[in-house]
Protein backbone atom coordinates (compact mmCIF):
# COMPACT_ATOMS: atom_id res chain seq x y z
CA MET A 1 -33.25 -4.93 28.81
CA SER A 2 -29.64 -5.21 27.77
CA SER A 3 -28.82 -5.50 24.07
CA PRO A 4 -28.02 -8.91 22.62
CA ILE A 5 -24.38 -9.48 21.84
CA VAL A 6 -23.30 -10.51 18.36
CA ALA A 7 -21.17 -13.57 18.86
CA PRO A 8 -17.73 -14.35 17.32
CA LEU A 9 -17.22 -15.44 13.78
CA LEU A 10 -18.81 -18.78 12.80
CA SER A 11 -17.02 -21.69 11.35
CA ARG A 12 -18.58 -23.31 8.26
CA ARG A 13 -19.91 -26.16 10.43
CA GLU A 14 -21.42 -23.73 12.90
CA LEU A 15 -22.91 -21.73 10.08
CA LEU A 16 -24.87 -24.70 8.77
CA LEU A 17 -26.16 -25.60 12.19
CA ALA A 18 -27.14 -22.02 12.89
CA ALA A 19 -28.93 -21.60 9.59
CA ALA A 20 -31.02 -24.66 10.34
CA SER A 21 -31.95 -23.39 13.83
CA VAL A 22 -32.74 -19.73 13.06
CA PRO A 23 -36.54 -20.26 12.75
CA LEU A 24 -36.50 -21.68 16.30
CA ALA A 25 -34.50 -18.89 17.84
CA ALA A 26 -37.49 -17.02 19.20
CA CYS A 27 -39.19 -20.04 20.80
CA SER A 28 -36.37 -22.44 21.79
CA GLN A 29 -33.67 -21.96 24.38
CA THR A 30 -31.77 -25.17 23.40
CA PRO A 31 -28.08 -24.07 23.34
CA THR A 32 -27.40 -25.95 20.10
CA LEU A 33 -24.41 -23.79 19.19
CA GLU A 34 -22.92 -24.10 22.63
CA LEU A 35 -22.12 -27.69 21.73
CA VAL A 36 -19.90 -26.66 18.82
CA ARG A 37 -16.85 -24.46 19.12
CA ASP A 38 -14.96 -22.80 16.30
CA THR A 39 -11.30 -23.69 16.82
CA MET A 40 -10.41 -20.27 15.40
CA ALA A 41 -12.82 -18.41 17.68
CA VAL A 42 -11.53 -15.59 19.80
CA THR A 43 -13.19 -13.51 22.52
CA LEU A 44 -15.54 -10.73 21.64
CA GLY A 45 -14.09 -7.29 21.13
CA THR A 46 -14.54 -4.61 23.75
CA GLY A 47 -15.62 -1.07 23.04
CA ASP A 48 -14.63 -0.18 19.53
CA GLY A 49 -12.49 -3.23 18.91
CA TYR A 50 -13.34 -6.25 16.76
CA PRO A 51 -12.53 -9.80 17.82
CA ARG A 52 -10.45 -10.27 14.67
CA THR A 53 -7.70 -8.45 12.86
CA ARG A 54 -7.81 -7.26 9.26
CA GLN A 55 -5.49 -10.08 8.23
CA GLN A 56 -7.67 -12.69 9.92
CA VAL A 57 -10.71 -11.29 8.11
CA GLU A 58 -8.96 -11.33 4.76
CA ASP A 59 -7.71 -14.90 5.29
CA THR A 60 -11.24 -16.31 5.65
CA PRO A 61 -13.05 -17.27 2.44
CA TYR A 62 -16.48 -15.79 3.20
CA ALA A 63 -18.01 -12.34 3.48
CA GLN A 64 -18.15 -10.75 6.90
CA LEU A 65 -20.17 -8.00 8.52
CA GLY A 66 -19.19 -6.11 11.70
CA VAL A 67 -22.15 -5.36 13.91
CA ARG A 68 -22.72 -3.42 17.09
CA ILE A 69 -26.03 -3.02 18.87
CA GLY A 70 -26.32 0.36 20.57
CA ARG A 71 -23.23 0.92 22.71
CA GLY A 72 -22.46 -2.79 23.02
CA SER A 73 -19.32 -4.58 22.01
CA ARG A 74 -18.61 -5.32 18.34
CA GLY A 75 -19.10 -8.74 16.88
CA ILE A 76 -18.79 -10.34 13.43
CA MET A 77 -21.53 -11.96 11.38
CA VAL A 78 -20.98 -14.05 8.26
CA LEU A 79 -22.98 -14.28 5.06
CA SER A 80 -25.12 -17.42 5.28
CA GLN A 81 -26.94 -17.10 1.96
CA GLN A 82 -27.78 -14.72 -0.86
CA GLN A 83 -31.12 -14.66 -2.68
CA GLY A 84 -31.02 -12.13 -5.48
CA ASP A 85 -30.35 -8.74 -3.85
CA GLU A 86 -31.09 -10.03 -0.35
CA LEU A 87 -28.14 -10.95 1.86
CA GLN A 88 -28.75 -12.96 5.03
CA TRP A 89 -26.11 -12.49 7.78
CA LEU A 90 -25.85 -14.82 10.76
CA SER A 91 -24.15 -14.73 14.14
CA ALA A 92 -23.10 -17.62 16.36
CA ASN A 93 -25.86 -16.88 18.86
CA ARG A 94 -28.50 -17.10 16.08
CA ILE A 95 -29.12 -13.43 15.42
CA MET A 96 -29.99 -12.99 11.75
CA LEU A 97 -30.13 -9.88 9.64
CA SER A 98 -31.63 -9.71 6.14
CA VAL A 99 -30.23 -6.77 4.15
CA ILE A 100 -31.22 -5.48 0.72
CA HIS A 101 -29.12 -2.70 -0.85
CA SER A 102 -27.58 -2.00 2.59
CA ARG A 103 -30.97 -1.50 4.32
CA ILE A 104 -32.01 -3.98 7.04
CA VAL A 105 -35.38 -5.45 6.04
CA LYS A 106 -35.78 -8.26 8.55
CA THR A 107 -34.27 -9.42 11.81
CA VAL A 108 -34.42 -12.63 13.91
CA GLY A 109 -33.23 -12.91 17.50
CA LEU A 110 -33.57 -9.30 18.74
CA PRO A 111 -35.85 -8.33 21.66
CA THR A 112 -38.20 -6.75 19.09
CA ASP A 113 -37.73 -8.09 15.62
CA LEU A 114 -38.32 -6.38 12.31
CA THR A 115 -40.61 -8.97 10.78
CA GLY A 116 -41.44 -7.16 7.54
CA SER A 117 -40.51 -4.07 5.54
CA GLN A 118 -42.03 -2.98 2.25
CA SER A 119 -40.93 0.08 0.24
CA PHE A 120 -43.21 2.08 -1.99
CA GLY A 121 -41.06 3.76 -4.65
CA PRO A 122 -37.33 3.95 -5.19
CA ASP A 123 -34.98 3.71 -2.21
CA LEU A 124 -31.99 6.05 -2.32
CA LEU A 125 -29.73 3.21 -1.20
CA GLN A 126 -30.60 1.34 -4.39
CA GLN A 127 -30.58 4.25 -6.87
CA TYR A 128 -28.14 6.84 -5.56
CA ASP A 129 -25.86 8.06 -8.35
CA HIS A 130 -22.51 9.15 -6.88
CA THR A 131 -21.68 10.88 -10.21
CA ARG A 132 -24.67 13.20 -9.78
CA PRO A 133 -24.73 14.22 -6.08
CA ASP A 134 -26.91 17.23 -6.92
CA ARG A 135 -29.70 15.00 -8.17
CA PRO A 136 -32.93 15.59 -6.13
CA LEU A 137 -33.46 12.83 -3.54
CA GLU A 138 -36.90 11.36 -3.57
CA ARG A 139 -38.96 10.86 -0.45
CA LEU A 140 -39.31 7.20 0.54
CA ARG A 141 -42.41 5.63 2.02
CA ARG A 142 -42.29 2.27 3.74
CA SER A 143 -44.55 -0.02 5.70
CA VAL A 144 -42.88 -1.76 8.66
CA ASP A 145 -43.91 -4.67 10.86
CA ALA A 146 -42.15 -4.64 14.24
CA GLY A 147 -42.89 -7.10 16.99
CA THR A 148 -46.67 -7.05 17.52
CA ARG A 149 -47.14 -3.83 15.55
CA PHE A 150 -48.02 -4.21 11.89
CA GLY A 151 -48.18 -1.80 9.03
CA ILE A 152 -46.35 1.12 10.61
CA SER A 153 -46.25 3.79 7.95
CA VAL A 154 -42.83 5.47 7.75
CA THR A 155 -41.70 8.40 5.61
CA SER A 156 -38.03 9.11 4.94
CA ASP A 157 -36.21 12.18 3.60
CA PHE A 158 -32.56 12.05 2.59
CA THR A 159 -29.80 14.61 2.83
CA ILE A 160 -26.31 14.38 1.28
CA GLU A 161 -23.91 15.48 4.03
CA GLY A 162 -20.70 15.29 2.00
CA THR A 163 -17.66 13.10 1.51
CA GLU A 164 -15.89 11.49 4.45
CA THR A 165 -12.91 9.19 4.81
CA ILE A 166 -13.64 6.42 7.23
CA THR A 167 -11.54 3.55 8.63
CA ILE A 168 -12.96 0.10 9.13
CA LEU A 169 -10.65 -2.40 10.82
CA ASP A 170 -7.47 -0.66 9.56
CA GLN A 171 -8.89 -0.23 6.03
CA THR A 172 -9.43 3.34 4.78
CA VAL A 173 -12.45 4.00 2.54
CA GLU A 174 -13.63 7.14 0.77
CA THR A 175 -17.38 7.58 1.22
CA MET A 176 -20.34 9.88 0.75
CA ARG A 177 -22.23 10.32 4.01
CA VAL A 178 -26.03 10.36 3.70
CA ARG A 179 -28.54 11.17 6.41
CA GLU A 180 -32.01 9.67 6.45
CA ASP A 181 -34.56 11.40 8.67
CA PHE A 182 -37.70 9.37 9.09
CA GLN A 183 -40.92 9.43 11.11
CA SER A 184 -43.99 7.27 11.45
CA SER A 185 -47.41 8.59 10.46
CA ASP A 186 -48.42 8.96 14.13
CA ARG A 187 -45.07 10.66 14.89
CA GLN A 188 -44.44 8.30 17.76
CA TRP A 189 -41.32 6.92 16.05
CA ARG A 190 -38.88 9.48 14.72
CA GLN A 191 -35.16 8.82 14.22
CA THR A 192 -32.17 9.49 12.01
CA ASN A 193 -30.22 6.81 10.09
CA ARG A 194 -26.84 7.41 8.45
CA TYR A 195 -25.09 5.63 5.63
CA TRP A 196 -21.52 5.93 4.38
CA LEU A 197 -21.83 5.03 0.71
CA SER A 198 -19.03 3.99 -1.58
CA LEU A 199 -17.95 6.62 -4.07
CA ARG A 200 -17.95 3.86 -6.71
CA SER A 201 -21.31 2.21 -6.02
CA ALA A 202 -24.37 2.36 -3.72
CA LEU A 203 -22.71 -0.05 -1.23
CA ALA A 204 -22.89 1.32 2.30
CA TRP A 205 -19.55 0.50 3.89
CA ARG A 206 -20.98 1.66 7.23
CA SER A 207 -24.50 2.43 8.40
CA VAL A 208 -26.32 3.25 11.63
CA GLN A 209 -29.92 2.07 11.37
CA HIS A 210 -32.91 2.23 13.73
CA VAL A 211 -34.97 -0.80 12.66
CA THR A 212 -37.80 -0.99 15.27
CA PRO A 213 -39.25 1.48 17.76
CA GLY A 214 -37.76 1.56 21.23
CA GLN A 215 -34.56 -0.32 20.37
CA PRO A 216 -31.01 1.00 20.06
CA PRO A 217 -29.64 1.33 16.54
CA LEU A 218 -27.60 -1.28 14.74
CA GLU A 219 -24.20 -0.15 13.41
CA LEU A 220 -23.07 -2.21 10.44
CA GLU A 221 -19.64 -2.21 8.85
CA VAL A 222 -18.66 -4.28 5.81
CA LEU A 223 -15.44 -6.07 6.82
CA LYS A 224 -15.26 -8.27 3.73
CA ARG A 225 -17.76 -7.67 0.96
CA PRO A 226 -19.54 -10.48 -0.89
CA ALA A 227 -17.83 -11.59 -4.06
């Protein structure tokens, strides 16, 4: 099965329509958003390119997230709402990602959705102290619901790989690269995630995350951070 494509940037009108239709995404094929076109929309990027320039991103008033599924083309999602630490990002074709402290905790619209994620203990992405990179990194245990599988027990170990300068849509950022090696209790799901954390906070400017078994990873890049 081919990976879904993250659609171009939503207008504010599209965003409201999409937010209302997200719960129906899995059971309804009604092309609601096909009836509304953003007059500023452009074609999807190809390969490593985004469908917008840095200036176009900066000129828009809302936070934006670059997303790529596996080796697919890059698209842009916008922040639809924020509830405490949870950010909900939305695409024009009704894919939704819920993110807490840079970790994806729920998805809607993927072939196999992450329907639940619970952490037991501190998550490095929430507590990492860039001023103390030698601080021991605690093992993280999580319970994950994916598709028809519930309560998958996952254990993560973190490794600080060092500083790295990255470029996101012509913007250069100094980061600390962190590797997360995780495996399920039955060892049937074992992968590596990576996060490029800000040297000033725990924000992950870029991440590559495997969210459910058997699916390609999601690559996220913060194009315009929430205010």
